[in-house]
Amino acid sequence: MRITRRLPVQDGIDHELIWLTVSLASLGLAAGWFTLGLPWPRCLFHDLTGLPCITCGATRAAVQLFHGHFIAAWKWNPVVFVALWALSIFNAYAFVALVWRAPRLRIEFQTRAERKYARILVIAALALNWVYLLSHWRDF
């Protein structure tokens, strides 16, 4: 795996613009949703099984994170906590890259084995997170 820097291609996909826009639009929709006092989202998996899903507690983790309660956010859902921090860092990077027209960072996997291990790492993190949620779901 290596990280490269490339100038944006004129007719290429601008990932930074797309994902920054999606991220900010999602944040705006969520803020509007809760400002209007609309009901909290329901989890079909939890409603059917009574058990937490892999992303159970994501909304509460996000709310706690935005209020500055980092430990509470971590306790609700560790993977979502890490993902929200990563998203925040990416959004800052994307904003700077777009404004300054800076070279874009890209992660390149050199071999199939690297891609395979990256997938395994993500699946393992999600599985461990689900084990954590299953073992603590009655605590919430």
N, C-alpha and C. Protein backbone atom coordinates (compact mmCIF):
# COMPACT_ATOMS: atom_id res chain seq x y z
N MET A 1 0.85 -1.17 0.00
CA MET A 1 0.00 0.00 0.00
C MET A 1 0.89 1.23 0.00
N ARG A 2 0.48 2.20 -0.76
CA ARG A 2 1.22 3.46 -0.72
C ARG A 2 0.23 4.61 -0.93
N ILE A 3 0.63 5.75 -0.42
CA ILE A 3 -0.18 6.95 -0.57
C ILE A 3 0.53 7.85 -1.57
N THR A 4 -0.20 8.26 -2.61
CA THR A 4 0.37 9.11 -3.64
C THR A 4 -0.34 10.46 -3.66
N ARG A 5 0.31 11.41 -4.28
CA ARG A 5 -0.28 12.73 -4.49
C ARG A 5 -0.38 12.97 -5.99
N ARG A 6 -1.57 13.36 -6.42
CA ARG A 6 -1.79 13.63 -7.84
C ARG A 6 -2.55 14.93 -8.01
N LEU A 7 -2.22 15.63 -9.07
CA LEU A 7 -3.02 16.81 -9.41
C LEU A 7 -4.37 16.34 -9.92
N PRO A 8 -5.44 17.12 -9.66
CA PRO A 8 -6.75 16.69 -10.15
C PRO A 8 -6.76 16.65 -11.67
N VAL A 9 -7.40 15.62 -12.20
CA VAL A 9 -7.54 15.47 -13.65
C VAL A 9 -8.77 16.25 -14.08
N GLN A 10 -8.67 16.96 -15.19
CA GLN A 10 -9.74 17.85 -15.61
C GLN A 10 -11.08 17.13 -15.80
N ASP A 11 -11.09 15.98 -16.45
CA ASP A 11 -12.33 15.26 -16.67
C ASP A 11 -12.52 14.10 -15.70
N GLY A 12 -11.70 14.03 -14.68
CA GLY A 12 -11.79 12.92 -13.72
C GLY A 12 -12.83 13.17 -12.65
N ILE A 13 -13.09 12.15 -11.87
CA ILE A 13 -14.03 12.26 -10.77
C ILE A 13 -13.36 13.01 -9.62
N ASP A 14 -14.03 14.01 -9.12
CA ASP A 14 -13.49 14.79 -8.01
C ASP A 14 -14.05 14.23 -6.70
N HIS A 15 -13.38 13.22 -6.17
CA HIS A 15 -13.86 12.54 -4.96
C HIS A 15 -13.99 13.50 -3.78
N GLU A 16 -13.05 14.42 -3.67
CA GLU A 16 -13.10 15.35 -2.55
C GLU A 16 -14.36 16.20 -2.60
N LEU A 17 -14.71 16.71 -3.77
CA LEU A 17 -15.92 17.53 -3.91
C LEU A 17 -17.18 16.70 -3.65
N ILE A 18 -17.22 15.52 -4.23
CA ILE A 18 -18.41 14.67 -4.07
C ILE A 18 -18.63 14.31 -2.60
N TRP A 19 -17.60 13.80 -1.94
CA TRP A 19 -17.79 13.30 -0.57
C TRP A 19 -17.92 14.43 0.45
N LEU A 20 -17.29 15.56 0.20
CA LEU A 20 -17.50 16.71 1.09
C LEU A 20 -18.93 17.21 0.96
N THR A 21 -19.45 17.25 -0.26
CA THR A 21 -20.83 17.67 -0.47
C THR A 21 -21.81 16.70 0.18
N VAL A 22 -21.59 15.40 -0.02
CA VAL A 22 -22.47 14.39 0.59
C VAL A 22 -22.42 14.51 2.11
N SER A 23 -21.24 14.67 2.67
CA SER A 23 -21.07 14.76 4.11
C SER A 23 -21.79 15.98 4.69
N LEU A 24 -21.58 17.14 4.06
CA LEU A 24 -22.21 18.36 4.57
C LEU A 24 -23.72 18.34 4.37
N ALA A 25 -24.18 17.79 3.25
CA ALA A 25 -25.62 17.68 3.01
C ALA A 25 -26.25 16.74 4.05
N SER A 26 -25.59 15.64 4.35
CA SER A 26 -26.10 14.70 5.36
C SER A 26 -26.16 15.36 6.73
N LEU A 27 -25.12 16.10 7.07
CA LEU A 27 -25.12 16.81 8.35
C LEU A 27 -26.25 17.83 8.41
N GLY A 28 -26.45 18.55 7.32
CA GLY A 28 -27.54 19.53 7.27
C GLY A 28 -28.91 18.88 7.39
N LEU A 29 -29.09 17.75 6.69
CA LEU A 29 -30.38 17.04 6.78
C LEU A 29 -30.62 16.51 8.20
N ALA A 30 -29.58 15.96 8.82
CA ALA A 30 -29.73 15.44 10.18
C ALA A 30 -30.04 16.57 11.15
N ALA A 31 -29.34 17.69 11.02
CA ALA A 31 -29.59 18.83 11.91
C ALA A 31 -31.02 19.34 11.72
N GLY A 32 -31.46 19.44 10.48
CA GLY A 32 -32.82 19.88 10.20
C GLY A 32 -33.85 18.91 10.75
N TRP A 33 -33.57 17.61 10.60
CA TRP A 33 -34.47 16.56 11.10
C TRP A 33 -34.71 16.72 12.60
N PHE A 34 -33.62 16.85 13.34
CA PHE A 34 -33.74 16.94 14.80
C PHE A 34 -34.24 18.30 15.25
N THR A 35 -33.93 19.36 14.49
CA THR A 35 -34.43 20.68 14.83
C THR A 35 -35.95 20.74 14.70
N LEU A 36 -36.47 20.05 13.70
CA LEU A 36 -37.92 20.01 13.51
C LEU A 36 -38.62 19.08 14.50
N GLY A 37 -37.85 18.36 15.28
CA GLY A 37 -38.43 17.47 16.28
C GLY A 37 -39.03 16.20 15.70
N LEU A 38 -38.54 15.81 14.53
CA LEU A 38 -39.03 14.58 13.91
C LEU A 38 -38.53 13.37 14.71
N PRO A 39 -39.20 12.23 14.61
CA PRO A 39 -38.81 11.08 15.43
C PRO A 39 -37.43 10.54 15.07
N TRP A 40 -36.79 9.96 16.07
CA TRP A 40 -35.49 9.34 15.87
C TRP A 40 -35.64 8.18 14.89
N PRO A 41 -34.62 7.91 14.11
CA PRO A 41 -34.69 6.77 13.18
C PRO A 41 -34.83 5.45 13.94
N ARG A 42 -35.55 4.53 13.35
CA ARG A 42 -35.75 3.20 13.93
C ARG A 42 -34.89 2.20 13.18
N CYS A 43 -34.44 1.18 13.90
CA CYS A 43 -33.63 0.13 13.30
C CYS A 43 -34.51 -1.10 13.10
N LEU A 44 -34.71 -1.50 11.86
CA LEU A 44 -35.55 -2.65 11.56
C LEU A 44 -34.97 -3.93 12.16
N PHE A 45 -33.64 -4.09 12.09
CA PHE A 45 -32.99 -5.27 12.65
C PHE A 45 -33.27 -5.37 14.15
N HIS A 46 -33.10 -4.25 14.87
CA HIS A 46 -33.34 -4.23 16.31
C HIS A 46 -34.81 -4.49 16.61
N ASP A 47 -35.70 -3.89 15.83
CA ASP A 47 -37.13 -4.10 16.05
C ASP A 47 -37.53 -5.56 15.86
N LEU A 48 -36.91 -6.23 14.89
CA LEU A 48 -37.26 -7.63 14.60
C LEU A 48 -36.61 -8.62 15.57
N THR A 49 -35.37 -8.36 15.96
CA THR A 49 -34.63 -9.34 16.76
C THR A 49 -34.48 -8.95 18.22
N GLY A 50 -34.58 -7.67 18.52
CA GLY A 50 -34.33 -7.21 19.88
C GLY A 50 -32.85 -7.08 20.19
N LEU A 51 -32.00 -7.33 19.19
CA LEU A 51 -30.55 -7.23 19.36
C LEU A 51 -30.02 -6.02 18.60
N PRO A 52 -28.89 -5.49 19.01
CA PRO A 52 -28.32 -4.36 18.28
C PRO A 52 -27.71 -4.80 16.95
N CYS A 53 -27.82 -3.93 15.96
CA CYS A 53 -27.15 -4.20 14.68
C CYS A 53 -25.72 -3.65 14.75
N ILE A 54 -24.97 -3.79 13.68
CA ILE A 54 -23.57 -3.35 13.67
C ILE A 54 -23.44 -1.85 13.90
N THR A 55 -24.41 -1.08 13.42
CA THR A 55 -24.33 0.38 13.58
C THR A 55 -25.23 0.89 14.69
N CYS A 56 -25.72 0.01 15.53
CA CYS A 56 -26.61 0.41 16.62
C CYS A 56 -25.90 1.44 17.50
N GLY A 57 -26.59 2.51 17.81
CA GLY A 57 -26.03 3.58 18.63
C GLY A 57 -25.30 4.63 17.82
N ALA A 58 -25.33 4.53 16.49
CA ALA A 58 -24.60 5.49 15.65
C ALA A 58 -25.15 6.90 15.82
N THR A 59 -26.46 7.05 15.83
CA THR A 59 -27.05 8.37 15.98
C THR A 59 -26.70 8.96 17.34
N ARG A 60 -26.83 8.15 18.39
CA ARG A 60 -26.51 8.64 19.74
C ARG A 60 -25.02 8.93 19.87
N ALA A 61 -24.18 8.13 19.22
CA ALA A 61 -22.74 8.41 19.25
C ALA A 61 -22.44 9.73 18.56
N ALA A 62 -23.10 9.99 17.44
CA ALA A 62 -22.88 11.25 16.72
C ALA A 62 -23.34 12.44 17.55
N VAL A 63 -24.50 12.32 18.19
CA VAL A 63 -25.00 13.41 19.04
C VAL A 63 -24.04 13.67 20.18
N GLN A 64 -23.57 12.60 20.83
CA GLN A 64 -22.62 12.76 21.93
C GLN A 64 -21.31 13.39 21.46
N LEU A 65 -20.84 12.97 20.29
CA LEU A 65 -19.60 13.53 19.74
C LEU A 65 -19.77 15.02 19.47
N PHE A 66 -20.89 15.41 18.86
CA PHE A 66 -21.12 16.83 18.55
C PHE A 66 -21.28 17.68 19.82
N HIS A 67 -21.67 17.05 20.91
CA HIS A 67 -21.77 17.77 22.19
C HIS A 67 -20.45 17.76 22.96
N GLY A 68 -19.44 17.09 22.41
CA GLY A 68 -18.13 17.06 23.05
C GLY A 68 -17.98 16.00 24.11
N HIS A 69 -18.91 15.06 24.16
CA HIS A 69 -18.84 13.97 25.13
C HIS A 69 -18.20 12.76 24.45
N PHE A 70 -16.88 12.79 24.35
CA PHE A 70 -16.16 11.81 23.56
C PHE A 70 -16.22 10.40 24.15
N ILE A 71 -16.12 10.28 25.44
CA ILE A 71 -16.17 8.95 26.06
C ILE A 71 -17.55 8.33 25.88
N ALA A 72 -18.59 9.14 26.04
CA ALA A 72 -19.95 8.63 25.84
C ALA A 72 -20.15 8.21 24.38
N ALA A 73 -19.62 8.99 23.46
CA ALA A 73 -19.73 8.64 22.04
C ALA A 73 -19.02 7.32 21.75
N TRP A 74 -17.84 7.15 22.33
CA TRP A 74 -17.09 5.90 22.16
C TRP A 74 -17.88 4.72 22.70
N LYS A 75 -18.50 4.89 23.86
CA LYS A 75 -19.26 3.80 24.48
C LYS A 75 -20.47 3.41 23.65
N TRP A 76 -21.11 4.37 22.99
CA TRP A 76 -22.28 4.04 22.17
C TRP A 76 -21.90 3.18 20.99
N ASN A 77 -20.82 3.52 20.30
CA ASN A 77 -20.40 2.73 19.15
C ASN A 77 -18.98 3.11 18.76
N PRO A 78 -17.98 2.30 19.12
CA PRO A 78 -16.58 2.65 18.84
C PRO A 78 -16.26 2.82 17.36
N VAL A 79 -16.80 1.97 16.50
CA VAL A 79 -16.49 2.09 15.06
C VAL A 79 -17.07 3.37 14.49
N VAL A 80 -18.27 3.73 14.90
CA VAL A 80 -18.87 4.97 14.42
C VAL A 80 -18.09 6.16 14.95
N PHE A 81 -17.64 6.10 16.20
CA PHE A 81 -16.82 7.17 16.76
C PHE A 81 -15.56 7.39 15.90
N VAL A 82 -14.86 6.31 15.60
CA VAL A 82 -13.64 6.41 14.78
C VAL A 82 -13.99 6.91 13.37
N ALA A 83 -15.08 6.39 12.81
CA ALA A 83 -15.49 6.79 11.46
C ALA A 83 -15.84 8.28 11.40
N LEU A 84 -16.51 8.79 12.42
CA LEU A 84 -16.85 10.21 12.43
C LEU A 84 -15.61 11.10 12.56
N TRP A 85 -14.64 10.66 13.36
CA TRP A 85 -13.38 11.41 13.43
C TRP A 85 -12.66 11.37 12.10
N ALA A 86 -12.62 10.19 11.47
CA ALA A 86 -11.97 10.07 10.17
C ALA A 86 -12.68 10.95 9.14
N LEU A 87 -14.00 10.97 9.19
CA LEU A 87 -14.77 11.80 8.26
C LEU A 87 -14.48 13.28 8.49
N SER A 88 -14.35 13.68 9.75
CA SER A 88 -14.03 15.07 10.06
C SER A 88 -12.66 15.46 9.50
N ILE A 89 -11.69 14.57 9.65
CA ILE A 89 -10.36 14.83 9.11
C ILE A 89 -10.40 14.87 7.59
N PHE A 90 -11.13 13.94 6.97
CA PHE A 90 -11.26 13.95 5.51
C PHE A 90 -11.93 15.23 5.04
N ASN A 91 -12.98 15.67 5.72
CA ASN A 91 -13.66 16.90 5.30
C ASN A 91 -12.74 18.11 5.35
N ALA A 92 -11.91 18.20 6.39
CA ALA A 92 -10.95 19.30 6.48
C ALA A 92 -9.94 19.21 5.33
N TYR A 93 -9.43 18.01 5.07
CA TYR A 93 -8.52 17.81 3.95
C TYR A 93 -9.18 18.17 2.62
N ALA A 94 -10.41 17.69 2.40
CA ALA A 94 -11.12 17.94 1.14
C ALA A 94 -11.34 19.43 0.93
N PHE A 95 -11.72 20.14 1.99
CA PHE A 95 -11.93 21.58 1.88
C PHE A 95 -10.65 22.29 1.46
N VAL A 96 -9.55 21.95 2.13
CA VAL A 96 -8.26 22.58 1.79
C VAL A 96 -7.85 22.22 0.37
N ALA A 97 -8.00 20.96 -0.01
CA ALA A 97 -7.62 20.53 -1.36
C ALA A 97 -8.45 21.25 -2.42
N LEU A 98 -9.73 21.45 -2.17
CA LEU A 98 -10.59 22.13 -3.13
C LEU A 98 -10.28 23.62 -3.23
N VAL A 99 -10.08 24.26 -2.09
CA VAL A 99 -9.84 25.70 -2.08
C VAL A 99 -8.48 26.03 -2.69
N TRP A 100 -7.46 25.28 -2.34
CA TRP A 100 -6.11 25.55 -2.82
C TRP A 100 -5.77 24.82 -4.12
N ARG A 101 -6.69 24.02 -4.61
CA ARG A 101 -6.44 23.21 -5.82
C ARG A 101 -5.14 22.40 -5.67
N ALA A 102 -5.01 21.83 -4.49
CA ALA A 102 -3.80 21.08 -4.13
C ALA A 102 -3.83 19.69 -4.75
N PRO A 103 -2.68 19.05 -4.84
CA PRO A 103 -2.65 17.65 -5.28
C PRO A 103 -3.49 16.80 -4.34
N ARG A 104 -4.13 15.79 -4.90
CA ARG A 104 -5.04 14.95 -4.14
C ARG A 104 -4.32 13.69 -3.67
N LEU A 105 -4.62 13.29 -2.45
CA LEU A 105 -4.04 12.08 -1.89
C LEU A 105 -4.86 10.87 -2.35
N ARG A 106 -4.17 9.81 -2.71
CA ARG A 106 -4.84 8.57 -3.11
C ARG A 106 -4.12 7.40 -2.47
N ILE A 107 -4.90 6.46 -1.96
CA ILE A 107 -4.34 5.23 -1.40
C ILE A 107 -4.37 4.19 -2.51
N GLU A 108 -3.21 3.62 -2.79
CA GLU A 108 -3.11 2.61 -3.84
C GLU A 108 -2.62 1.30 -3.24
N PHE A 109 -3.36 0.25 -3.51
CA PHE A 109 -2.94 -1.08 -3.09
C PHE A 109 -2.14 -1.69 -4.23
N GLN A 110 -0.95 -2.17 -3.91
CA GLN A 110 -0.04 -2.67 -4.93
C GLN A 110 -0.35 -4.10 -5.36
N THR A 111 -0.87 -4.89 -4.44
CA THR A 111 -1.10 -6.30 -4.74
C THR A 111 -2.50 -6.71 -4.32
N ARG A 112 -2.92 -7.87 -4.82
CA ARG A 112 -4.21 -8.42 -4.41
C ARG A 112 -4.20 -8.76 -2.93
N ALA A 113 -3.06 -9.20 -2.43
CA ALA A 113 -2.95 -9.55 -1.01
C ALA A 113 -3.21 -8.32 -0.14
N GLU A 114 -2.70 -7.16 -0.53
CA GLU A 114 -2.95 -5.94 0.25
C GLU A 114 -4.43 -5.60 0.28
N ARG A 115 -5.09 -5.70 -0.85
CA ARG A 115 -6.54 -5.45 -0.91
C ARG A 115 -7.29 -6.45 -0.03
N LYS A 116 -6.87 -7.71 -0.10
CA LYS A 116 -7.51 -8.75 0.70
C LYS A 116 -7.36 -8.47 2.19
N TYR A 117 -6.15 -8.12 2.64
CA TYR A 117 -5.91 -7.85 4.05
C TYR A 117 -6.65 -6.59 4.50
N ALA A 118 -6.77 -5.60 3.63
CA ALA A 118 -7.54 -4.40 3.97
C ALA A 118 -9.01 -4.75 4.19
N ARG A 119 -9.56 -5.59 3.32
CA ARG A 119 -10.95 -6.04 3.48
C ARG A 119 -11.13 -6.83 4.78
N ILE A 120 -10.18 -7.73 5.04
CA ILE A 120 -10.24 -8.53 6.26
C ILE A 120 -10.19 -7.64 7.49
N LEU A 121 -9.35 -6.62 7.46
CA LEU A 121 -9.23 -5.69 8.58
C LEU A 121 -10.54 -4.96 8.83
N VAL A 122 -11.18 -4.50 7.77
CA VAL A 122 -12.46 -3.79 7.90
C VAL A 122 -13.53 -4.74 8.44
N ILE A 123 -13.61 -5.94 7.90
CA ILE A 123 -14.61 -6.92 8.36
C ILE A 123 -14.36 -7.29 9.82
N ALA A 124 -13.10 -7.46 10.19
CA ALA A 124 -12.76 -7.80 11.58
C ALA A 124 -13.15 -6.66 12.52
N ALA A 125 -12.91 -5.42 12.12
CA ALA A 125 -13.28 -4.27 12.95
C ALA A 125 -14.79 -4.22 13.14
N LEU A 126 -15.54 -4.45 12.07
CA LEU A 126 -17.01 -4.46 12.18
C LEU A 126 -17.49 -5.61 13.05
N ALA A 127 -16.87 -6.79 12.90
CA ALA A 127 -17.26 -7.94 13.71
C ALA A 127 -16.95 -7.70 15.19
N LEU A 128 -15.77 -7.18 15.49
CA LEU A 128 -15.42 -6.89 16.89
C LEU A 128 -16.34 -5.82 17.48
N ASN A 129 -16.70 -4.83 16.66
CA ASN A 129 -17.62 -3.81 17.11
C ASN A 129 -18.98 -4.42 17.44
N TRP A 130 -19.44 -5.36 16.60
CA TRP A 130 -20.73 -5.99 16.84
C TRP A 130 -20.68 -6.84 18.11
N VAL A 131 -19.57 -7.53 18.33
CA VAL A 131 -19.41 -8.30 19.57
C VAL A 131 -19.48 -7.36 20.77
N TYR A 132 -18.81 -6.23 20.67
CA TYR A 132 -18.86 -5.22 21.74
C TYR A 132 -20.31 -4.78 21.98
N LEU A 133 -21.03 -4.44 20.91
CA LEU A 133 -22.41 -3.99 21.06
C LEU A 133 -23.30 -5.07 21.65
N LEU A 134 -23.12 -6.31 21.20
CA LEU A 134 -23.92 -7.41 21.73
C LEU A 134 -23.64 -7.64 23.22
N SER A 135 -22.40 -7.43 23.63
CA SER A 135 -22.05 -7.67 25.03
C SER A 135 -22.44 -6.51 25.94
N HIS A 136 -22.74 -5.34 25.36
CA HIS A 136 -23.07 -4.15 26.18
C HIS A 136 -24.46 -3.61 25.89
N TRP A 137 -25.26 -4.27 25.08
CA TRP A 137 -26.50 -3.66 24.64
C TRP A 137 -27.49 -3.43 25.78
N ARG A 138 -27.42 -4.23 26.81
CA ARG A 138 -28.33 -4.02 27.95
C ARG A 138 -27.86 -2.88 28.86
N ASP A 139 -26.62 -2.43 28.69
CA ASP A 139 -26.10 -1.33 29.49
C ASP A 139 -26.70 0.02 29.07
N PHE A 140 -27.22 0.07 27.84
CA PHE A 140 -27.71 1.34 27.33
C PHE A 140 -29.18 1.42 27.56
